[in-house]
C-alpha atoms as a PDB file:
ATOM      1  CA  MET A   1     108.631  91.308  67.604  1.00  0.00           C
ATOM      2  CA  PRO A   2     110.825  90.154  70.531  1.00  0.00           C
ATOM      3  CA  THR A   3     109.824  91.414  73.954  1.00  0.00           C
ATOM      4  CA  HIS A   4     112.961  93.542  74.442  1.00  0.00           C
ATOM      5  CA  HIS A   5     112.112  95.536  71.306  1.00  0.00           C
ATOM      6  CA  THR A   6     108.582  96.010  72.635  1.00  0.00           C
ATOM      7  CA  LEU A   7     110.037  97.322  75.898  1.00  0.00           C
ATOM      8  CA  LEU A   8     112.216  99.798  74.022  1.00  0.00           C
ATOM      9  CA  LYS A   9     109.224 101.041  72.013  1.00  0.00           C
ATOM     10  CA  LEU A  10     107.211 101.461  75.226  1.00  0.00           C
ATOM     11  CA  LEU A  11     109.974 103.477  76.901  1.00  0.00           C
ATOM     12  CA  GLN A  12     110.291 105.679  73.826  1.00  0.00           C
ATOM     13  CA  ARG A  13     106.510 106.190  73.721  1.00  0.00           C
ATOM     14  CA  TRP A  14     106.475 107.267  77.371  1.00  0.00           C
ATOM     15  CA  ARG A  15     109.322 109.708  76.688  1.00  0.00           C
ATOM     16  CA  GLU A  16     107.373 111.205  73.782  1.00  0.00           C
ATOM     17  CA  GLU A  17     104.171 111.433  75.838  1.00  0.00           C
ATOM     18  CA  ALA A  18     106.037 113.236  78.610  1.00  0.00           C
ATOM     19  CA  GLY A  19     107.519 115.614  76.030  1.00  0.00           C
ATOM     20  CA  ARG A  20     104.084 116.430  74.636  1.00  0.00           C
ATOM     21  CA  ALA A  21     102.931 117.151  78.199  1.00  0.00           C
ATOM     22  CA  GLY A  22     105.794 119.617  78.607  1.00  0.00           C
ATOM     23  CA  HIS A  23     108.155 117.404  80.602  1.00  0.00           C
ATOM     24  CA  ALA A  24     111.476 116.861  78.873  1.00  0.00           C
ATOM     25  CA  ILE A  25     112.940 113.484  79.801  1.00  0.00           C
ATOM     26  CA  LYS A  26     116.730 113.640  79.814  1.00  0.00           C
ATOM     27  CA  ARG A  27     117.377 110.152  81.094  1.00  0.00           C
ATOM     28  CA  ILE A  28     115.547 106.878  81.504  1.00  0.00           C
ATOM     29  CA  ALA A  29     116.521 104.408  84.189  1.00  0.00           C
ATOM     30  CA  VAL A  30     114.974 101.008  84.751  1.00  0.00           C
ATOM     31  CA  ALA A  31     115.593  98.339  87.362  1.00  0.00           C
ATOM     32  CA  TYR A  32     114.372  94.785  87.360  1.00  0.00           C
ATOM     33  CA  GLU A  33     114.936  91.531  89.180  1.00  0.00           C
ATOM     34  CA  ALA A  34     116.909  89.021  87.132  1.00  0.00           C
ATOM     35  CA  ALA A  35     118.704  85.770  87.724  1.00  0.00           C
ATOM     36  CA  GLY A  36     120.581  83.385  85.515  1.00  0.00           C
ATOM     37  CA  ASP A  37     120.557  84.664  81.964  1.00  0.00           C
ATOM     38  CA  GLY A  38     118.457  87.785  82.645  1.00  0.00           C
ATOM     39  CA  PHE A  39     121.416  90.178  82.714  1.00  0.00           C
ATOM     40  CA  TRP A  40     121.765  90.460  78.927  1.00  0.00           C
ATOM     41  CA  LEU A  41     118.808  92.841  78.849  1.00  0.00           C
ATOM     42  CA  ALA A  42     120.653  95.393  81.000  1.00  0.00           C
ATOM     43  CA  ARG A  43     123.594  95.354  78.595  1.00  0.00           C
ATOM     44  CA  TRP A  44     121.234  95.657  75.625  1.00  0.00           C
ATOM     45  CA  LEU A  45     119.447  98.675  77.170  1.00  0.00           C
ATOM     46  CA  TRP A  46     122.723 100.384  78.157  1.00  0.00           C
ATOM     47  CA  ALA A  47     123.808 100.105  74.512  1.00  0.00           C
ATOM     48  CA  ARG A  48     120.689 102.141  73.678  1.00  0.00           C
ATOM     49  CA  ASP A  49     121.405 104.899  76.264  1.00  0.00           C
ATOM     50  CA  ILE A  50     118.948 103.614  78.850  1.00  0.00           C
ATOM     51  CA  GLU A  51     120.278 103.069  82.357  1.00  0.00           C
ATOM     52  CA  ALA A  52     119.389  99.523  83.321  1.00  0.00           C
ATOM     53  CA  TYR A  53     120.044  97.822  86.619  1.00  0.00           C
ATOM     54  CA  ALA A  54     119.503  94.080  86.917  1.00  0.00           C
ATOM     55  CA  ILE A  55     119.160  93.097  90.543  1.00  0.00           C
ATOM     56  CA  HIS A  56     119.833  89.515  91.520  1.00  0.00           C
ATOM     57  CA  PRO A  57     117.035  88.253  93.804  1.00  0.00           C
ATOM     58  CA  ALA A  58     119.546  86.984  96.355  1.00  0.00           C
ATOM     59  CA  SER A  59     120.916  90.516  96.831  1.00  0.00           C
ATOM     60  CA  VAL A  60     117.637  91.809  98.271  1.00  0.00           C
ATOM     61  CA  ALA A  61     117.924  91.652 102.035  1.00  0.00           C
ATOM     62  CA  VAL A  62     115.118  89.789 103.784  1.00  0.00           C
ATOM     63  CA  SER A  63     114.523  88.672 107.328  1.00  0.00           C
ATOM     64  CA  ARG A  64     114.850  84.898 107.563  1.00  0.00           C
ATOM     65  CA  GLU A  65     113.176  84.791 110.988  1.00  0.00           C
ATOM     66  CA  HIS A  66     109.599  85.118 109.772  1.00  0.00           C
ATOM     67  CA  ARG A  67     107.823  84.433 106.547  1.00  0.00           C
ATOM     68  CA  ARG A  68     107.051  87.668 104.786  1.00  0.00           C
ATOM     69  CA  ALA A  69     105.183  88.823 101.752  1.00  0.00           C
ATOM     70  CA  LYS A  70     107.254  88.874  98.575  1.00  0.00           C
ATOM     71  CA  THR A  71     106.322  91.924  96.532  1.00  0.00           C
ATOM     72  CA  ASP A  72     108.214  94.309  94.288  1.00  0.00           C
ATOM     73  CA  ARG A  73     107.065  97.251  96.438  1.00  0.00           C
ATOM     74  CA  LEU A  74     108.603  95.726  99.566  1.00  0.00           C
ATOM     75  CA  ASP A  75     111.802  94.810  97.708  1.00  0.00           C
ATOM     76  CA  THR A  76     112.089  98.359  96.348  1.00  0.00           C
ATOM     77  CA  GLU A  77     111.808  99.774  99.869  1.00  0.00           C
ATOM     78  CA  LEU A  78     114.603  97.461 101.088  1.00  0.00           C
ATOM     79  CA  LEU A  79     117.070  98.067  98.237  1.00  0.00           C
ATOM     80  CA  PRO A  80     118.439 101.453  99.422  1.00  0.00           C
ATOM     81  CA  GLN A  81     119.344  99.769 102.706  1.00  0.00           C
ATOM     82  CA  ALA A  82     121.513  97.143 100.995  1.00  0.00           C
END
């Protein structure tokens, strides 16, 4: 099964698990870093009522003065500032 179908099944499973735990999930939103041809997945997820935000790596602000660690956690902290 293609990876995007596996992702959809995983998101649906998490929604069901949350529902069984008493937490109704009204919306799912995902964000991921994508470049080149990675934006098709966002369109595919939107067509299935999942908010998807593909973030181009060049749009994440970084200081060019010093080398810094490159981690998703650090990028996530910087995104609201962009």
